[in-house]
Each structure stands twice: as structure tokens, then as C-alpha cells.
N, C-alpha and C. Protein backbone atom coordinates (compact mmCIF):
# COMPACT_ATOMS: atom_id res chain seq x y z
N MET A 1 -21.23 -24.84 38.99
CA MET A 1 -21.34 -23.78 38.02
C MET A 1 -21.51 -22.45 38.74
N ILE A 2 -20.85 -21.42 38.23
CA ILE A 2 -20.92 -20.10 38.85
C ILE A 2 -21.95 -19.26 38.10
N ASP A 3 -22.94 -18.74 38.84
CA ASP A 3 -23.97 -17.92 38.22
C ASP A 3 -23.53 -16.48 38.03
N ARG A 4 -22.67 -16.00 38.87
CA ARG A 4 -22.19 -14.62 38.76
C ARG A 4 -20.77 -14.56 39.28
N LEU A 5 -20.06 -13.53 38.88
CA LEU A 5 -18.69 -13.38 39.34
C LEU A 5 -18.68 -12.88 40.76
N PRO A 6 -17.81 -13.43 41.61
CA PRO A 6 -17.67 -12.90 42.96
C PRO A 6 -17.10 -11.48 42.88
N ALA A 7 -17.33 -10.68 43.87
CA ALA A 7 -16.91 -9.28 43.90
C ALA A 7 -15.43 -9.08 43.57
N PRO A 8 -14.48 -9.87 44.10
CA PRO A 8 -13.08 -9.64 43.80
C PRO A 8 -12.73 -9.81 42.31
N LEU A 9 -13.58 -10.47 41.52
CA LEU A 9 -13.28 -10.68 40.11
C LEU A 9 -13.99 -9.67 39.21
N CYS A 10 -14.41 -8.57 39.75
CA CYS A 10 -15.08 -7.55 38.96
C CYS A 10 -14.17 -7.12 37.80
N LEU A 11 -14.68 -7.11 36.59
CA LEU A 11 -13.88 -6.81 35.41
C LEU A 11 -13.90 -5.33 35.02
N ALA A 12 -14.69 -4.53 35.65
CA ALA A 12 -14.81 -3.12 35.27
C ALA A 12 -13.48 -2.38 35.29
N PRO A 13 -12.64 -2.48 36.34
CA PRO A 13 -11.36 -1.77 36.32
C PRO A 13 -10.43 -2.25 35.20
N LEU A 14 -10.40 -3.56 34.96
CA LEU A 14 -9.56 -4.09 33.89
C LEU A 14 -10.03 -3.60 32.53
N LEU A 15 -11.33 -3.63 32.29
CA LEU A 15 -11.88 -3.15 31.03
C LEU A 15 -11.60 -1.67 30.85
N ALA A 16 -11.74 -0.88 31.88
CA ALA A 16 -11.45 0.56 31.80
C ALA A 16 -9.99 0.79 31.47
N ALA A 17 -9.08 0.03 32.05
CA ALA A 17 -7.65 0.17 31.76
C ALA A 17 -7.33 -0.20 30.32
N LEU A 18 -7.96 -1.26 29.82
CA LEU A 18 -7.73 -1.65 28.44
C LEU A 18 -8.24 -0.61 27.46
N LEU A 19 -9.41 -0.04 27.73
CA LEU A 19 -9.98 0.96 26.84
C LEU A 19 -9.17 2.25 26.84
N ALA A 20 -8.53 2.57 27.94
CA ALA A 20 -7.75 3.80 28.04
C ALA A 20 -6.34 3.64 27.52
N ALA A 21 -5.87 2.41 27.37
CA ALA A 21 -4.48 2.18 26.97
C ALA A 21 -4.26 2.55 25.51
N PRO A 22 -3.15 3.25 25.21
CA PRO A 22 -2.83 3.55 23.82
C PRO A 22 -2.29 2.31 23.12
N GLY A 23 -2.41 2.26 21.79
CA GLY A 23 -2.03 1.21 20.86
C GLY A 23 -0.91 0.24 21.20
N PRO A 24 0.00 -0.03 20.22
CA PRO A 24 0.97 -1.11 20.32
C PRO A 24 1.92 -1.02 21.51
N ALA A 25 2.34 0.17 21.90
CA ALA A 25 3.26 0.29 23.03
C ALA A 25 2.59 -0.24 24.29
N ALA A 26 1.31 0.04 24.43
CA ALA A 26 0.58 -0.44 25.59
C ALA A 26 0.46 -1.96 25.56
N ALA A 27 0.31 -2.52 24.36
CA ALA A 27 0.22 -3.98 24.25
C ALA A 27 1.51 -4.62 24.74
N GLN A 28 2.65 -4.00 24.41
CA GLN A 28 3.94 -4.52 24.86
C GLN A 28 4.01 -4.45 26.39
N ALA A 29 3.66 -3.29 26.94
CA ALA A 29 3.75 -3.07 28.38
C ALA A 29 2.66 -3.83 29.14
N ASN A 30 1.62 -4.23 28.44
CA ASN A 30 0.47 -4.86 29.09
C ASN A 30 0.46 -6.37 28.82
N GLY A 31 1.64 -6.98 28.76
CA GLY A 31 1.70 -8.42 28.58
C GLY A 31 1.24 -8.90 27.22
N GLY A 32 1.31 -8.06 26.21
CA GLY A 32 0.92 -8.46 24.86
C GLY A 32 -0.56 -8.34 24.58
N ILE A 33 -1.34 -7.83 25.53
CA ILE A 33 -2.78 -7.67 25.33
C ILE A 33 -3.03 -6.50 24.40
N ILE A 34 -3.81 -6.70 23.37
CA ILE A 34 -4.15 -5.63 22.43
C ILE A 34 -5.20 -4.74 23.07
N ALA A 35 -4.93 -3.44 23.06
CA ALA A 35 -5.86 -2.47 23.65
C ALA A 35 -7.14 -2.39 22.82
N LEU A 36 -8.25 -2.23 23.50
CA LEU A 36 -9.56 -2.09 22.86
C LEU A 36 -10.06 -0.67 23.04
N PRO A 37 -10.76 -0.06 22.16
CA PRO A 37 -11.14 -0.63 20.87
C PRO A 37 -9.96 -0.63 19.90
N PHE A 38 -9.86 -1.67 19.09
CA PHE A 38 -8.78 -1.81 18.13
C PHE A 38 -9.14 -1.10 16.84
N SER A 39 -8.20 -0.37 16.30
CA SER A 39 -8.40 0.32 15.03
C SER A 39 -7.48 -0.31 14.00
N SER A 40 -8.03 -0.73 12.88
CA SER A 40 -7.20 -1.34 11.85
C SER A 40 -6.69 -0.30 10.85
N ALA A 41 -6.88 0.97 11.15
CA ALA A 41 -6.39 2.04 10.27
C ALA A 41 -4.93 2.33 10.62
N ILE A 42 -4.13 2.49 9.59
CA ILE A 42 -2.71 2.81 9.76
C ILE A 42 -2.61 4.31 10.03
N PRO A 43 -1.80 4.73 11.01
CA PRO A 43 -1.70 6.15 11.35
C PRO A 43 -1.09 6.99 10.22
N PRO A 44 -1.42 8.28 10.17
CA PRO A 44 -0.96 9.16 9.09
C PRO A 44 0.56 9.16 8.87
N ALA A 45 1.35 9.07 9.91
CA ALA A 45 2.81 9.10 9.76
C ALA A 45 3.33 7.91 8.96
N GLN A 46 2.54 6.84 8.90
CA GLN A 46 2.96 5.65 8.15
C GLN A 46 2.26 5.57 6.79
N ARG A 47 1.77 6.71 6.33
CA ARG A 47 1.12 6.78 5.01
C ARG A 47 1.86 7.72 4.07
N VAL A 48 3.08 8.10 4.44
CA VAL A 48 3.87 9.01 3.62
C VAL A 48 5.21 8.37 3.29
N CYS A 49 5.81 8.82 2.20
CA CYS A 49 7.10 8.31 1.76
C CYS A 49 8.10 9.46 1.64
N ALA A 50 9.37 9.14 1.83
CA ALA A 50 10.42 10.15 1.89
C ALA A 50 10.99 10.53 0.53
N ALA A 51 10.92 9.65 -0.45
CA ALA A 51 11.54 9.91 -1.76
C ALA A 51 10.56 9.56 -2.86
N LYS A 52 10.86 10.03 -4.09
CA LYS A 52 10.01 9.74 -5.25
C LYS A 52 10.86 9.38 -6.45
N THR A 53 10.33 8.47 -7.26
CA THR A 53 10.96 8.14 -8.53
C THR A 53 10.45 9.11 -9.59
N VAL A 54 11.01 9.05 -10.79
CA VAL A 54 10.58 9.90 -11.90
C VAL A 54 9.11 9.67 -12.23
N SER A 55 8.62 8.43 -12.07
CA SER A 55 7.22 8.11 -12.40
C SER A 55 6.23 8.67 -11.38
N GLY A 56 6.73 9.11 -10.21
CA GLY A 56 5.86 9.59 -9.14
C GLY A 56 5.65 8.61 -8.02
N LEU A 57 6.26 7.42 -8.11
CA LEU A 57 6.17 6.43 -7.04
C LEU A 57 6.94 6.93 -5.83
N GLY A 58 6.28 6.96 -4.68
CA GLY A 58 6.95 7.32 -3.45
C GLY A 58 7.49 6.08 -2.77
N TYR A 59 8.62 6.22 -2.08
CA TYR A 59 9.18 5.08 -1.36
C TYR A 59 10.01 5.53 -0.17
N THR A 60 10.04 4.68 0.84
CA THR A 60 10.89 4.86 2.01
C THR A 60 11.47 3.49 2.32
N GLU A 61 12.78 3.43 2.45
CA GLU A 61 13.43 2.17 2.82
C GLU A 61 13.41 2.09 4.35
N LEU A 62 12.63 1.16 4.87
CA LEU A 62 12.50 0.98 6.32
C LEU A 62 13.59 0.07 6.87
N ARG A 63 14.03 -0.87 6.04
CA ARG A 63 15.16 -1.74 6.40
C ARG A 63 15.90 -2.10 5.11
N ARG A 64 17.19 -1.93 5.13
CA ARG A 64 18.01 -2.23 3.95
C ARG A 64 18.16 -3.74 3.79
N GLY A 65 18.08 -4.19 2.55
CA GLY A 65 18.32 -5.59 2.24
C GLY A 65 19.74 -5.77 1.74
N THR A 66 20.04 -6.97 1.28
CA THR A 66 21.37 -7.26 0.74
C THR A 66 21.23 -8.02 -0.57
N GLY A 67 22.23 -7.85 -1.44
CA GLY A 67 22.26 -8.61 -2.68
C GLY A 67 21.58 -7.91 -3.83
N ALA A 68 21.25 -8.71 -4.83
CA ALA A 68 20.67 -8.20 -6.07
C ALA A 68 19.23 -7.75 -5.88
N THR A 69 18.76 -6.95 -6.82
CA THR A 69 17.36 -6.53 -6.85
C THR A 69 16.64 -7.34 -7.93
N PRO A 70 15.34 -7.54 -7.80
CA PRO A 70 14.62 -8.34 -8.80
C PRO A 70 14.43 -7.58 -10.11
N ALA A 71 14.29 -8.35 -11.18
CA ALA A 71 13.94 -7.80 -12.50
C ALA A 71 12.43 -7.92 -12.69
N ARG A 72 11.90 -7.20 -13.66
CA ARG A 72 10.45 -7.21 -13.91
C ARG A 72 9.92 -8.61 -14.25
N THR A 73 10.78 -9.49 -14.75
CA THR A 73 10.34 -10.84 -15.12
C THR A 73 10.48 -11.84 -13.97
N ASP A 74 11.02 -11.42 -12.83
CA ASP A 74 11.20 -12.31 -11.69
C ASP A 74 9.90 -12.46 -10.88
N THR A 75 9.86 -13.52 -10.10
CA THR A 75 8.79 -13.72 -9.12
C THR A 75 9.43 -13.54 -7.74
N VAL A 76 8.81 -12.73 -6.92
CA VAL A 76 9.32 -12.50 -5.58
C VAL A 76 8.37 -13.11 -4.56
N THR A 77 8.91 -13.45 -3.41
CA THR A 77 8.09 -13.89 -2.28
C THR A 77 8.14 -12.76 -1.26
N ILE A 78 6.97 -12.30 -0.82
CA ILE A 78 6.91 -11.12 0.04
C ILE A 78 5.92 -11.31 1.19
N ASN A 79 6.11 -10.49 2.22
CA ASN A 79 5.11 -10.23 3.24
C ASN A 79 4.65 -8.80 2.95
N TYR A 80 3.37 -8.54 3.00
CA TYR A 80 2.93 -7.18 2.70
C TYR A 80 1.61 -6.82 3.39
N ILE A 81 1.40 -5.52 3.48
CA ILE A 81 0.12 -4.97 3.92
C ILE A 81 -0.16 -3.79 3.00
N GLY A 82 -1.39 -3.69 2.53
CA GLY A 82 -1.80 -2.59 1.66
C GLY A 82 -2.91 -1.80 2.31
N TYR A 83 -2.82 -0.47 2.20
CA TYR A 83 -3.84 0.38 2.82
C TYR A 83 -4.03 1.65 2.02
N LEU A 84 -5.18 2.28 2.23
CA LEU A 84 -5.51 3.50 1.51
C LEU A 84 -4.74 4.68 2.09
N ALA A 85 -4.14 5.49 1.22
CA ALA A 85 -3.36 6.64 1.68
C ALA A 85 -4.26 7.66 2.39
N ALA A 86 -5.48 7.83 1.93
CA ALA A 86 -6.37 8.86 2.48
C ALA A 86 -6.82 8.56 3.91
N THR A 87 -7.12 7.29 4.20
CA THR A 87 -7.73 6.95 5.50
C THR A 87 -6.89 5.98 6.33
N GLY A 88 -5.95 5.29 5.70
CA GLY A 88 -5.19 4.26 6.41
C GLY A 88 -5.93 2.95 6.52
N ALA A 89 -7.10 2.84 5.91
CA ALA A 89 -7.88 1.60 5.98
C ALA A 89 -7.15 0.48 5.25
N VAL A 90 -6.93 -0.63 5.94
CA VAL A 90 -6.24 -1.78 5.37
C VAL A 90 -7.18 -2.50 4.41
N PHE A 91 -6.70 -2.76 3.19
CA PHE A 91 -7.53 -3.49 2.22
C PHE A 91 -6.99 -4.87 1.90
N ASP A 92 -5.72 -5.13 2.23
CA ASP A 92 -5.16 -6.45 1.93
C ASP A 92 -3.88 -6.66 2.73
N GLN A 93 -3.59 -7.91 3.04
CA GLN A 93 -2.32 -8.27 3.68
C GLN A 93 -2.11 -9.76 3.52
N ALA A 94 -0.84 -10.15 3.43
CA ALA A 94 -0.52 -11.56 3.28
C ALA A 94 0.94 -11.79 3.64
N MET A 95 1.26 -13.04 3.93
CA MET A 95 2.63 -13.41 4.28
C MET A 95 3.10 -14.52 3.35
N ALA A 96 4.40 -14.50 3.07
CA ALA A 96 5.06 -15.51 2.23
C ALA A 96 4.29 -15.72 0.93
N THR A 97 3.95 -14.63 0.27
CA THR A 97 3.15 -14.65 -0.94
C THR A 97 4.02 -14.50 -2.18
N PRO A 98 3.95 -15.45 -3.13
CA PRO A 98 4.69 -15.28 -4.38
C PRO A 98 3.99 -14.27 -5.29
N MET A 99 4.77 -13.37 -5.87
CA MET A 99 4.21 -12.35 -6.76
C MET A 99 5.08 -12.24 -8.01
N PRO A 100 4.55 -12.61 -9.19
CA PRO A 100 5.28 -12.37 -10.43
C PRO A 100 5.22 -10.87 -10.73
N LEU A 101 6.37 -10.22 -10.84
CA LEU A 101 6.41 -8.77 -10.98
C LEU A 101 5.81 -8.26 -12.28
N ASP A 102 5.69 -9.13 -13.28
CA ASP A 102 5.09 -8.70 -14.54
C ASP A 102 3.57 -8.88 -14.54
N ARG A 103 2.99 -9.25 -13.37
CA ARG A 103 1.54 -9.47 -13.29
C ARG A 103 0.89 -8.70 -12.15
N VAL A 104 1.55 -7.66 -11.67
CA VAL A 104 1.00 -6.84 -10.59
C VAL A 104 0.87 -5.40 -11.09
N ILE A 105 0.20 -4.55 -10.31
CA ILE A 105 0.06 -3.15 -10.71
C ILE A 105 1.44 -2.50 -10.85
N ASP A 106 1.52 -1.50 -11.73
CA ASP A 106 2.80 -0.89 -12.09
C ASP A 106 3.61 -0.38 -10.92
N GLY A 107 2.99 0.33 -9.99
CA GLY A 107 3.72 0.90 -8.86
C GLY A 107 4.30 -0.17 -7.95
N PHE A 108 3.58 -1.27 -7.80
CA PHE A 108 4.03 -2.38 -6.96
C PHE A 108 5.28 -3.00 -7.58
N SER A 109 5.23 -3.24 -8.89
CA SER A 109 6.36 -3.83 -9.60
C SER A 109 7.57 -2.90 -9.58
N GLU A 110 7.35 -1.64 -9.89
CA GLU A 110 8.44 -0.66 -9.89
C GLU A 110 9.10 -0.57 -8.51
N GLY A 111 8.30 -0.52 -7.47
CA GLY A 111 8.82 -0.40 -6.13
C GLY A 111 9.63 -1.61 -5.69
N LEU A 112 9.14 -2.80 -6.01
CA LEU A 112 9.87 -4.00 -5.62
C LEU A 112 11.21 -4.12 -6.34
N GLN A 113 11.32 -3.52 -7.51
CA GLN A 113 12.59 -3.56 -8.23
C GLN A 113 13.63 -2.64 -7.60
N LEU A 114 13.23 -1.83 -6.62
CA LEU A 114 14.16 -0.99 -5.86
C LEU A 114 14.76 -1.74 -4.67
N ALA A 115 14.18 -2.88 -4.32
CA ALA A 115 14.54 -3.58 -3.08
C ALA A 115 15.45 -4.77 -3.34
N SER A 116 16.22 -5.13 -2.34
CA SER A 116 16.98 -6.37 -2.39
C SER A 116 16.46 -7.28 -1.27
N LYS A 117 16.88 -8.53 -1.32
CA LYS A 117 16.39 -9.54 -0.37
C LYS A 117 16.57 -9.07 1.08
N GLY A 118 15.50 -9.19 1.85
CA GLY A 118 15.53 -8.79 3.26
C GLY A 118 15.08 -7.35 3.49
N ALA A 119 14.93 -6.58 2.44
CA ALA A 119 14.52 -5.18 2.58
C ALA A 119 13.06 -5.07 2.98
N VAL A 120 12.76 -3.99 3.69
CA VAL A 120 11.37 -3.62 3.99
C VAL A 120 11.19 -2.21 3.45
N LEU A 121 10.22 -2.04 2.56
CA LEU A 121 9.93 -0.75 1.94
C LEU A 121 8.51 -0.32 2.24
N ARG A 122 8.32 0.99 2.29
CA ARG A 122 6.98 1.56 2.23
C ARG A 122 6.86 2.18 0.86
N LEU A 123 5.86 1.78 0.10
CA LEU A 123 5.62 2.32 -1.23
C LEU A 123 4.35 3.15 -1.22
N CYS A 124 4.42 4.35 -1.78
CA CYS A 124 3.27 5.24 -1.88
C CYS A 124 2.93 5.38 -3.37
N LEU A 125 1.85 4.72 -3.77
CA LEU A 125 1.47 4.69 -5.18
C LEU A 125 0.39 5.72 -5.47
N PRO A 126 0.68 6.66 -6.37
CA PRO A 126 -0.42 7.51 -6.82
C PRO A 126 -1.40 6.63 -7.61
N ALA A 127 -2.64 7.06 -7.69
CA ALA A 127 -3.68 6.25 -8.34
C ALA A 127 -3.27 5.77 -9.73
N ALA A 128 -2.56 6.60 -10.47
CA ALA A 128 -2.14 6.24 -11.83
C ALA A 128 -1.21 5.03 -11.86
N LEU A 129 -0.48 4.77 -10.78
CA LEU A 129 0.40 3.60 -10.71
C LEU A 129 -0.26 2.44 -9.97
N GLY A 130 -1.53 2.63 -9.56
CA GLY A 130 -2.30 1.59 -8.89
C GLY A 130 -3.40 1.11 -9.82
N TYR A 131 -4.65 1.33 -9.39
CA TYR A 131 -5.79 0.88 -10.19
C TYR A 131 -6.47 2.00 -10.96
N GLY A 132 -5.94 3.23 -10.86
CA GLY A 132 -6.47 4.35 -11.64
C GLY A 132 -7.93 4.63 -11.33
N ALA A 133 -8.69 4.87 -12.38
CA ALA A 133 -10.10 5.25 -12.25
C ALA A 133 -11.02 4.06 -11.99
N LYS A 134 -10.45 2.87 -11.87
CA LYS A 134 -11.25 1.66 -11.66
C LYS A 134 -11.31 1.30 -10.17
N ALA A 135 -12.51 1.09 -9.65
CA ALA A 135 -12.67 0.60 -8.28
C ALA A 135 -12.44 -0.91 -8.29
N VAL A 136 -11.68 -1.41 -7.30
CA VAL A 136 -11.39 -2.83 -7.22
C VAL A 136 -11.63 -3.28 -5.78
N GLY A 137 -12.65 -4.13 -5.58
CA GLY A 137 -12.98 -4.61 -4.24
C GLY A 137 -13.16 -3.45 -3.28
N PRO A 138 -12.42 -3.44 -2.16
CA PRO A 138 -12.57 -2.36 -1.17
C PRO A 138 -11.80 -1.08 -1.53
N ILE A 139 -11.16 -1.06 -2.71
CA ILE A 139 -10.37 0.11 -3.13
C ILE A 139 -11.23 0.99 -4.03
N PRO A 140 -11.55 2.20 -3.57
CA PRO A 140 -12.34 3.10 -4.42
C PRO A 140 -11.54 3.56 -5.65
N ALA A 141 -12.25 3.97 -6.68
CA ALA A 141 -11.62 4.52 -7.88
C ALA A 141 -10.74 5.72 -7.50
N ASN A 142 -9.66 5.91 -8.24
CA ASN A 142 -8.75 7.05 -8.07
C ASN A 142 -8.11 7.12 -6.68
N SER A 143 -7.86 5.97 -6.08
CA SER A 143 -7.26 5.93 -4.74
C SER A 143 -5.74 5.84 -4.81
N ASP A 144 -5.08 6.68 -4.02
CA ASP A 144 -3.65 6.53 -3.79
C ASP A 144 -3.50 5.41 -2.77
N LEU A 145 -2.51 4.56 -2.98
CA LEU A 145 -2.33 3.38 -2.15
C LEU A 145 -0.97 3.40 -1.46
N VAL A 146 -0.88 2.73 -0.32
CA VAL A 146 0.39 2.58 0.40
C VAL A 146 0.56 1.10 0.70
N PHE A 147 1.78 0.61 0.52
CA PHE A 147 2.12 -0.77 0.85
C PHE A 147 3.37 -0.78 1.70
N GLN A 148 3.38 -1.63 2.70
CA GLN A 148 4.62 -1.97 3.38
C GLN A 148 4.95 -3.38 2.92
N ILE A 149 6.16 -3.56 2.39
CA ILE A 149 6.52 -4.82 1.77
C ILE A 149 7.88 -5.29 2.30
N GLU A 150 7.95 -6.55 2.67
CA GLU A 150 9.22 -7.18 3.02
C GLU A 150 9.55 -8.18 1.92
N LEU A 151 10.70 -8.01 1.28
CA LEU A 151 11.13 -8.90 0.21
C LEU A 151 11.87 -10.09 0.81
N ILE A 152 11.27 -11.26 0.73
CA ILE A 152 11.82 -12.46 1.34
C ILE A 152 12.73 -13.23 0.38
N GLU A 153 12.29 -13.36 -0.87
CA GLU A 153 13.02 -14.19 -1.83
C GLU A 153 12.81 -13.67 -3.24
N ILE A 154 13.80 -13.90 -4.10
CA ILE A 154 13.72 -13.54 -5.52
C ILE A 154 13.96 -14.79 -6.31
N ALA A 155 13.06 -15.09 -7.26
CA ALA A 155 13.23 -16.25 -8.14
C ALA A 155 13.17 -15.78 -9.58
N GLU A 156 14.20 -16.09 -10.32
CA GLU A 156 14.22 -15.77 -11.75
C GLU A 156 13.33 -16.77 -12.48
N PRO A 157 12.77 -16.35 -13.63
CA PRO A 157 11.93 -17.28 -14.37
C PRO A 157 12.75 -18.46 -14.89
N ALA A 158 12.12 -19.62 -14.96
CA ALA A 158 12.80 -20.80 -15.48
C ALA A 158 13.14 -20.58 -16.95
N ALA A 159 14.26 -21.10 -17.42
CA ALA A 159 14.73 -20.89 -18.78
C ALA A 159 13.71 -21.36 -19.80
N ASP A 160 13.01 -22.46 -19.54
CA ASP A 160 12.02 -22.97 -20.49
C ASP A 160 10.70 -22.21 -20.47
N ALA A 161 10.51 -21.34 -19.47
CA ALA A 161 9.28 -20.55 -19.36
C ALA A 161 9.37 -19.25 -20.14
N GLN A 162 10.57 -18.92 -20.62
CA GLN A 162 10.75 -17.64 -21.31
C GLN A 162 10.36 -17.70 -22.75
């Protein structure tokens, strides 16, 4: 059993390099090691959208999909991350998640109806298209929200379910 590290294995230089390394690019260049301290806040440049719908929903198409777009009665399978527009604090994320579009917040449903299979969108929801004046879990009342969503699959409702 080793009671202490021998001098050649001193970790101070490695720790200093990790702490000084910038985010994701450094992780790529550093053998996939995530730089510390890690911040789970999304940077400001990824909290804005390039276009707006009539309702005020902001959106940016990050990757174009192909084929049809879902209807409000469809269920989609998505990968997503949700974060607060003001701070970039992540409040939710999931992969391969089924979402019935008629059972989610208005801005989420409206935005997904702009996408086709394989698309990746950034949606910027004003509070009125999110949870409005109601606080929900880690989301404060009157919060503008941002989602990055990848549309994996679209399923129409079964004929007997209508």
C-alpha cells in the first residue's frame, strides 16, 4: 500500500492545467477530459434565436431535417435540453423522450411543428408561451426559456385513439 505519492506523480501541475483550460474545445484537445471547474450554464450566444413567429416564439434551425413536420396531435420522440434564457442554468434534459405535442407548453408544441425529422432547433420561449406567472420546479415565475431540441421520430395518433 502506498502512503503518499512519490515526487514524480505530483498532481499539482496537472490540476493547474485542467483548471486553466477553457471549456469543450479544451476537452477535445485534452483527450476528452472535461475542464474543471465545470459550469452547467449555457453561454449567452446559445440563448438567443435568429427568427420569430407571429406568436413571439423565437427559433433558430441548427440542423435541417427532412420530410414532413409533426401536427399538434402527433407524438414526437426527441432529445432536448432546457435552460433559463436569463442565466443559462439548465433545468431539464432528456434523450429519446416521447412527447405528445398536445400535452406540452404552447411554445414547445409550436416550435416542434416547425421541424422535420432529424432537425435540431433552438427555441426561445417568452414566458407567455412557457409557464407564465407560475413557478414550476427550478423554473422561476415569468421566466423566458430556451430549448435545444433534436426531432428523432414523429408518430401520428392511432386511429382508435382519436
